[in-house]
Amino acid sequence: MSLDQLLNPATPPRRYVITGGPSSGKEAVFGLLHEMEIPSTEGEPAREIYRKHRDRLGRHLQVGDRQEYSRDVLAAFVAEFCDHKQGLRFYNRGIPDGYGWDAFFGLRPYPELEEATRVYRYDAVFVLDALDDFDSEDDLVWAKEREIRRVHELIVQGYYDAGYKPIFVPADEPRRRIDFICAQLPVPAS
């Protein structure tokens, strides 16, 4: 199936998550998706919500702040899911990412996250393998490289726990990653 056929907006909604831990290259992949005019998330909602919480608190989030933050991120992900009515769309992270991030901060899954994970299902999940270098201009704090790997592992586990079989995208330049993803897209039933 050609990319033009995949992008036909007259088809039922098809939802594909692109996720991964910090340093996985999501920003570059989504930047190129936008240049190619492929429907996808604008920005990274979770990062923007983080910044709003941090600005309101005057500091980085601490464990005690994480449940409110997690619920705000969940609400944004559910809204984006529900707003998409037809055709293909790539999501910058998905609802089950919450399992991984919450686990990293020692939080247990909460009922709203579990319910949303059951109700709002994606057609496929693509996990970007980490790149070799970590050069972040954003304002998120990572104390140790092992934390980056741990978050990545917990995100992946969250998708497995939610019943998905993630497709792993090798570290590569963004165009080749997008080509790999498009070649793996499930063909919609006629």
C-alpha atoms as a PDB file:
ATOM      1  CA  MET A   1       0.000   0.000   0.000  1.00  0.00           C
ATOM      2  CA  SER A   2       1.389   3.422  -0.937  1.00  0.00           C
ATOM      3  CA  LEU A   3       1.837   6.293   1.497  1.00  0.00           C
ATOM      4  CA  ASP A   4      -0.879   8.212  -0.396  1.00  0.00           C
ATOM      5  CA  GLN A   5      -3.332   5.364   0.199  1.00  0.00           C
ATOM      6  CA  LEU A   6      -2.361   5.222   3.859  1.00  0.00           C
ATOM      7  CA  LEU A   7      -2.948   8.958   4.184  1.00  0.00           C
ATOM      8  CA  ASN A   8      -6.430   8.889   2.650  1.00  0.00           C
ATOM      9  CA  PRO A   9      -8.478  10.946   5.132  1.00  0.00           C
ATOM     10  CA  ALA A  10     -11.727   9.254   4.070  1.00  0.00           C
ATOM     11  CA  THR A  11     -10.833   6.064   5.929  1.00  0.00           C
ATOM     12  CA  PRO A  12     -11.823   5.164   9.494  1.00  0.00           C
ATOM     13  CA  PRO A  13      -9.409   6.396  12.174  1.00  0.00           C
ATOM     14  CA  ARG A  14      -6.106   4.565  12.419  1.00  0.00           C
ATOM     15  CA  ARG A  15      -3.968   5.429  15.388  1.00  0.00           C
ATOM     16  CA  TYR A  16      -0.260   4.686  15.710  1.00  0.00           C
ATOM     17  CA  VAL A  17       1.907   5.536  18.720  1.00  0.00           C
ATOM     18  CA  ILE A  18       5.575   6.437  18.394  1.00  0.00           C
ATOM     19  CA  THR A  19       7.230   6.295  21.785  1.00  0.00           C
ATOM     20  CA  GLY A  20      10.476   5.588  23.571  1.00  0.00           C
ATOM     21  CA  GLY A  21      12.473   6.866  26.462  1.00  0.00           C
ATOM     22  CA  PRO A  22      14.451  10.089  26.554  1.00  0.00           C
ATOM     23  CA  SER A  23      17.180  10.167  23.912  1.00  0.00           C
ATOM     24  CA  SER A  24      15.212   8.078  21.418  1.00  0.00           C
ATOM     25  CA  GLY A  25      14.946  10.760  18.712  1.00  0.00           C
ATOM     26  CA  LYS A  26      11.172  11.297  18.786  1.00  0.00           C
ATOM     27  CA  GLU A  27      11.482  15.045  18.263  1.00  0.00           C
ATOM     28  CA  ALA A  28      13.400  14.599  14.982  1.00  0.00           C
ATOM     29  CA  VAL A  29      10.977  11.909  13.756  1.00  0.00           C
ATOM     30  CA  PHE A  30       7.935  14.058  14.502  1.00  0.00           C
ATOM     31  CA  GLY A  31       9.602  17.100  12.941  1.00  0.00           C
ATOM     32  CA  LEU A  32      10.035  15.170   9.693  1.00  0.00           C
ATOM     33  CA  LEU A  33       6.486  13.763   9.864  1.00  0.00           C
ATOM     34  CA  HIS A  34       5.245  17.356  10.005  1.00  0.00           C
ATOM     35  CA  GLU A  35       7.464  18.380   7.075  1.00  0.00           C
ATOM     36  CA  MET A  36       6.017  15.439   5.114  1.00  0.00           C
ATOM     37  CA  GLU A  37       2.505  16.619   6.097  1.00  0.00           C
ATOM     38  CA  ILE A  38       1.702  13.294   7.733  1.00  0.00           C
ATOM     39  CA  PRO A  39      -0.957  13.773  10.456  1.00  0.00           C
ATOM     40  CA  SER A  40       0.715  13.599  13.843  1.00  0.00           C
ATOM     41  CA  THR A  41       0.863  15.140  17.292  1.00  0.00           C
ATOM     42  CA  GLU A  42       2.001  18.743  17.441  1.00  0.00           C
ATOM     43  CA  GLY A  43       4.773  19.154  20.003  1.00  0.00           C
ATOM     44  CA  GLU A  44       4.922  16.826  22.983  1.00  0.00           C
ATOM     45  CA  PRO A  45       1.875  17.334  25.224  1.00  0.00           C
ATOM     46  CA  ALA A  46       3.431  15.640  28.273  1.00  0.00           C
ATOM     47  CA  ARG A  47       6.459  17.942  28.122  1.00  0.00           C
ATOM     48  CA  GLU A  48       4.273  21.048  27.844  1.00  0.00           C
ATOM     49  CA  ILE A  49       2.168  19.926  30.812  1.00  0.00           C
ATOM     50  CA  TYR A  50       5.371  19.274  32.763  1.00  0.00           C
ATOM     51  CA  ARG A  51       6.558  22.816  32.089  1.00  0.00           C
ATOM     52  CA  LYS A  52       3.224  24.281  33.228  1.00  0.00           C
ATOM     53  CA  HIS A  53       3.385  22.329  36.486  1.00  0.00           C
ATOM     54  CA  ARG A  54       7.022  23.301  37.011  1.00  0.00           C
ATOM     55  CA  ASP A  55       6.286  26.981  36.352  1.00  0.00           C
ATOM     56  CA  ARG A  56       3.325  26.937  38.741  1.00  0.00           C
ATOM     57  CA  LEU A  57       5.343  25.195  41.486  1.00  0.00           C
ATOM     58  CA  GLY A  58       8.555  27.141  40.893  1.00  0.00           C
ATOM     59  CA  ARG A  59      10.590  23.907  40.848  1.00  0.00           C
ATOM     60  CA  HIS A  60      10.891  20.559  39.106  1.00  0.00           C
ATOM     61  CA  LEU A  61       8.187  18.052  39.939  1.00  0.00           C
ATOM     62  CA  GLN A  62       8.741  15.847  42.935  1.00  0.00           C
ATOM     63  CA  VAL A  63       7.193  12.457  43.569  1.00  0.00           C
ATOM     64  CA  GLY A  64       4.296  14.045  45.487  1.00  0.00           C
ATOM     65  CA  ASP A  65       3.439  16.191  42.438  1.00  0.00           C
ATOM     66  CA  ARG A  66       3.413  13.302  39.996  1.00  0.00           C
ATOM     67  CA  GLN A  67      -0.160  12.007  40.390  1.00  0.00           C
ATOM     68  CA  GLU A  68      -1.733  15.324  39.446  1.00  0.00           C
ATOM     69  CA  TYR A  69       0.694  15.651  36.556  1.00  0.00           C
ATOM     70  CA  SER A  70      -0.024  12.086  35.412  1.00  0.00           C
ATOM     71  CA  ARG A  71      -3.775  12.732  35.413  1.00  0.00           C
ATOM     72  CA  ASP A  72      -3.314  15.928  33.381  1.00  0.00           C
ATOM     73  CA  VAL A  73      -1.214  14.054  30.816  1.00  0.00           C
ATOM     74  CA  LEU A  74      -3.808  11.268  30.653  1.00  0.00           C
ATOM     75  CA  ALA A  75      -6.568  13.822  30.008  1.00  0.00           C
ATOM     76  CA  ALA A  76      -4.527  15.359  27.161  1.00  0.00           C
ATOM     77  CA  PHE A  77      -3.856  11.947  25.587  1.00  0.00           C
ATOM     78  CA  VAL A  78      -7.530  10.933  25.808  1.00  0.00           C
ATOM     79  CA  ALA A  79      -8.597  14.260  24.267  1.00  0.00           C
ATOM     80  CA  GLU A  80      -6.163  13.832  21.359  1.00  0.00           C
ATOM     81  CA  PHE A  81      -7.383  10.266  20.829  1.00  0.00           C
ATOM     82  CA  CYS A  82     -11.057  11.332  20.822  1.00  0.00           C
ATOM     83  CA  ASP A  83     -10.458  14.346  18.561  1.00  0.00           C
ATOM     84  CA  HIS A  84      -9.115  12.094  15.785  1.00  0.00           C
ATOM     85  CA  LYS A  85     -12.106  10.990  13.699  1.00  0.00           C
ATOM     86  CA  GLN A  86     -10.728   9.620  10.424  1.00  0.00           C
ATOM     87  CA  GLY A  87      -7.584   8.637   8.547  1.00  0.00           C
ATOM     88  CA  LEU A  88      -4.111   7.880   9.841  1.00  0.00           C
ATOM     89  CA  ARG A  89      -2.477   9.693  12.767  1.00  0.00           C
ATOM     90  CA  PHE A  90       0.797   9.247  14.628  1.00  0.00           C
ATOM     91  CA  TYR A  91       0.768  10.016  18.347  1.00  0.00           C
ATOM     92  CA  ASN A  92       3.787  11.332  20.249  1.00  0.00           C
ATOM     93  CA  ARG A  93       3.461   8.894  23.141  1.00  0.00           C
ATOM     94  CA  GLY A  94       0.249   7.122  24.061  1.00  0.00           C
ATOM     95  CA  ILE A  95      -1.915   6.436  27.061  1.00  0.00           C
ATOM     96  CA  PRO A  96       0.095   3.364  28.254  1.00  0.00           C
ATOM     97  CA  ASP A  97       3.221   5.555  28.515  1.00  0.00           C
ATOM     98  CA  GLY A  98       1.668   6.554  31.832  1.00  0.00           C
ATOM     99  CA  TYR A  99       2.387   3.098  33.252  1.00  0.00           C
ATOM    100  CA  GLY A 100       6.096   3.484  32.594  1.00  0.00           C
ATOM    101  CA  TRP A 101       6.464   7.024  33.834  1.00  0.00           C
ATOM    102  CA  ASP A 102       4.396   6.384  36.950  1.00  0.00           C
ATOM    103  CA  ALA A 103       6.386   3.215  37.724  1.00  0.00           C
ATOM    104  CA  PHE A 104       9.624   5.172  37.385  1.00  0.00           C
ATOM    105  CA  PHE A 105       8.414   7.520  40.122  1.00  0.00           C
ATOM    106  CA  GLY A 106       7.185   4.696  42.346  1.00  0.00           C
ATOM    107  CA  LEU A 107       3.475   5.264  41.673  1.00  0.00           C
ATOM    108  CA  ARG A 108       0.958   2.492  41.159  1.00  0.00           C
ATOM    109  CA  PRO A 109      -1.460   2.482  38.215  1.00  0.00           C
ATOM    110  CA  TYR A 110      -4.640   4.355  39.105  1.00  0.00           C
ATOM    111  CA  PRO A 111      -8.184   3.452  37.984  1.00  0.00           C
ATOM    112  CA  GLU A 112      -8.531   6.212  35.376  1.00  0.00           C
ATOM    113  CA  LEU A 113      -5.316   5.124  33.636  1.00  0.00           C
ATOM    114  CA  GLU A 114      -6.370   1.479  33.643  1.00  0.00           C
ATOM    115  CA  GLU A 115      -9.835   2.347  32.273  1.00  0.00           C
ATOM    116  CA  ALA A 116      -8.434   4.625  29.555  1.00  0.00           C
ATOM    117  CA  THR A 117      -5.964   1.924  28.525  1.00  0.00           C
ATOM    118  CA  ARG A 118      -8.848  -0.533  28.062  1.00  0.00           C
ATOM    119  CA  VAL A 119     -11.181   1.896  26.254  1.00  0.00           C
ATOM    120  CA  TYR A 120      -8.817   3.823  23.954  1.00  0.00           C
ATOM    121  CA  ARG A 121      -6.824   1.360  21.863  1.00  0.00           C
ATOM    122  CA  TYR A 122      -4.164   2.120  19.264  1.00  0.00           C
ATOM    123  CA  ASP A 123      -3.671   0.133  16.059  1.00  0.00           C
ATOM    124  CA  ALA A 124       0.078  -0.299  16.586  1.00  0.00           C
ATOM    125  CA  VAL A 125       2.870   0.932  18.833  1.00  0.00           C
ATOM    126  CA  PHE A 126       6.331   1.798  17.534  1.00  0.00           C
ATOM    127  CA  VAL A 127       9.176   2.069  20.058  1.00  0.00           C
ATOM    128  CA  LEU A 128      12.198   4.065  18.956  1.00  0.00           C
ATOM    129  CA  ASP A 129      15.427   2.477  20.131  1.00  0.00           C
ATOM    130  CA  ALA A 130      17.649   4.912  21.995  1.00  0.00           C
ATOM    131  CA  LEU A 131      20.210   6.869  20.034  1.00  0.00           C
ATOM    132  CA  ASP A 132      23.854   6.671  21.023  1.00  0.00           C
ATOM    133  CA  ASP A 133      24.076  10.297  22.057  1.00  0.00           C
ATOM    134  CA  PHE A 134      21.929  12.228  24.483  1.00  0.00           C
ATOM    135  CA  ASP A 135      21.951  15.917  23.707  1.00  0.00           C
ATOM    136  CA  SER A 136      18.810  17.523  25.062  1.00  0.00           C
ATOM    137  CA  GLU A 137      18.038  21.206  24.836  1.00  0.00           C
ATOM    138  CA  ASP A 138      14.804  20.799  26.775  1.00  0.00           C
ATOM    139  CA  ASP A 139      14.535  21.546  30.459  1.00  0.00           C
ATOM    140  CA  LEU A 140      13.918  18.066  31.805  1.00  0.00           C
ATOM    141  CA  VAL A 141      16.439  16.832  34.293  1.00  0.00           C
ATOM    142  CA  TRP A 142      18.128  13.413  34.013  1.00  0.00           C
ATOM    143  CA  ALA A 143      20.671  12.697  36.692  1.00  0.00           C
ATOM    144  CA  LYS A 144      22.099   9.515  35.225  1.00  0.00           C
ATOM    145  CA  GLU A 145      22.161   7.720  31.901  1.00  0.00           C
ATOM    146  CA  ARG A 146      20.851   4.590  33.620  1.00  0.00           C
ATOM    147  CA  GLU A 147      17.659   6.533  34.473  1.00  0.00           C
ATOM    148  CA  ILE A 148      17.122   7.123  30.763  1.00  0.00           C
ATOM    149  CA  ARG A 149      17.441   3.391  30.071  1.00  0.00           C
ATOM    150  CA  ARG A 150      15.152   2.542  32.999  1.00  0.00           C
ATOM    151  CA  VAL A 151      12.395   4.900  31.822  1.00  0.00           C
ATOM    152  CA  HIS A 152      12.632   3.373  28.341  1.00  0.00           C
ATOM    153  CA  GLU A 153      12.326  -0.156  29.752  1.00  0.00           C
ATOM    154  CA  LEU A 154       9.347   0.801  31.929  1.00  0.00           C
ATOM    155  CA  ILE A 155       7.550   2.462  29.011  1.00  0.00           C
ATOM    156  CA  VAL A 156       8.010  -0.662  26.897  1.00  0.00           C
ATOM    157  CA  GLN A 157       6.806  -2.871  29.759  1.00  0.00           C
ATOM    158  CA  GLY A 158       3.733  -0.652  30.145  1.00  0.00           C
ATOM    159  CA  TYR A 159       2.727  -1.359  26.548  1.00  0.00           C
ATOM    160  CA  TYR A 160       3.254  -5.096  26.995  1.00  0.00           C
ATOM    161  CA  ASP A 161       1.184  -4.981  30.196  1.00  0.00           C
ATOM    162  CA  ALA A 162      -1.557  -3.137  28.275  1.00  0.00           C
ATOM    163  CA  GLY A 163      -1.722  -5.978  25.726  1.00  0.00           C
ATOM    164  CA  TYR A 164       0.314  -4.466  22.880  1.00  0.00           C
ATOM    165  CA  LYS A 165       3.114  -6.050  20.895  1.00  0.00           C
ATOM    166  CA  PRO A 166       5.429  -3.103  20.272  1.00  0.00           C
ATOM    167  CA  ILE A 167       7.366  -2.860  17.032  1.00  0.00           C
ATOM    168  CA  PHE A 168      10.942  -1.745  17.701  1.00  0.00           C
ATOM    169  CA  VAL A 169      12.410   0.866  15.357  1.00  0.00           C
ATOM    170  CA  PRO A 170      16.206   0.703  15.077  1.00  0.00           C
ATOM    171  CA  ALA A 171      18.315   3.761  15.811  1.00  0.00           C
ATOM    172  CA  ASP A 172      18.844   5.496  12.473  1.00  0.00           C
ATOM    173  CA  GLU A 173      18.338   8.856  10.821  1.00  0.00           C
ATOM    174  CA  PRO A 174      14.721  10.106  10.963  1.00  0.00           C
ATOM    175  CA  ARG A 175      13.767   9.463   7.310  1.00  0.00           C
ATOM    176  CA  ARG A 176      14.838   5.824   7.476  1.00  0.00           C
ATOM    177  CA  ARG A 177      12.954   5.397  10.746  1.00  0.00           C
ATOM    178  CA  ILE A 178       9.797   6.793   9.144  1.00  0.00           C
ATOM    179  CA  ASP A 179      10.259   4.520   6.125  1.00  0.00           C
ATOM    180  CA  PHE A 180      10.629   1.549   8.501  1.00  0.00           C
ATOM    181  CA  ILE A 181       7.477   2.548  10.407  1.00  0.00           C
ATOM    182  CA  CYS A 182       5.415   3.018   7.228  1.00  0.00           C
ATOM    183  CA  ALA A 183       6.543  -0.394   5.955  1.00  0.00           C
ATOM    184  CA  GLN A 184       5.278  -1.952   9.205  1.00  0.00           C
ATOM    185  CA  LEU A 185       1.849  -0.308   9.288  1.00  0.00           C
ATOM    186  CA  PRO A 186      -0.973  -2.810   9.414  1.00  0.00           C
ATOM    187  CA  VAL A 187      -3.047  -2.660   6.236  1.00  0.00           C
ATOM    188  CA  PRO A 188      -6.581  -1.574   7.118  1.00  0.00           C
ATOM    189  CA  ALA A 189      -9.310  -4.140   6.442  1.00  0.00           C
ATOM    190  CA  SER A 190     -11.365  -3.302   3.371  1.00  0.00           C
END
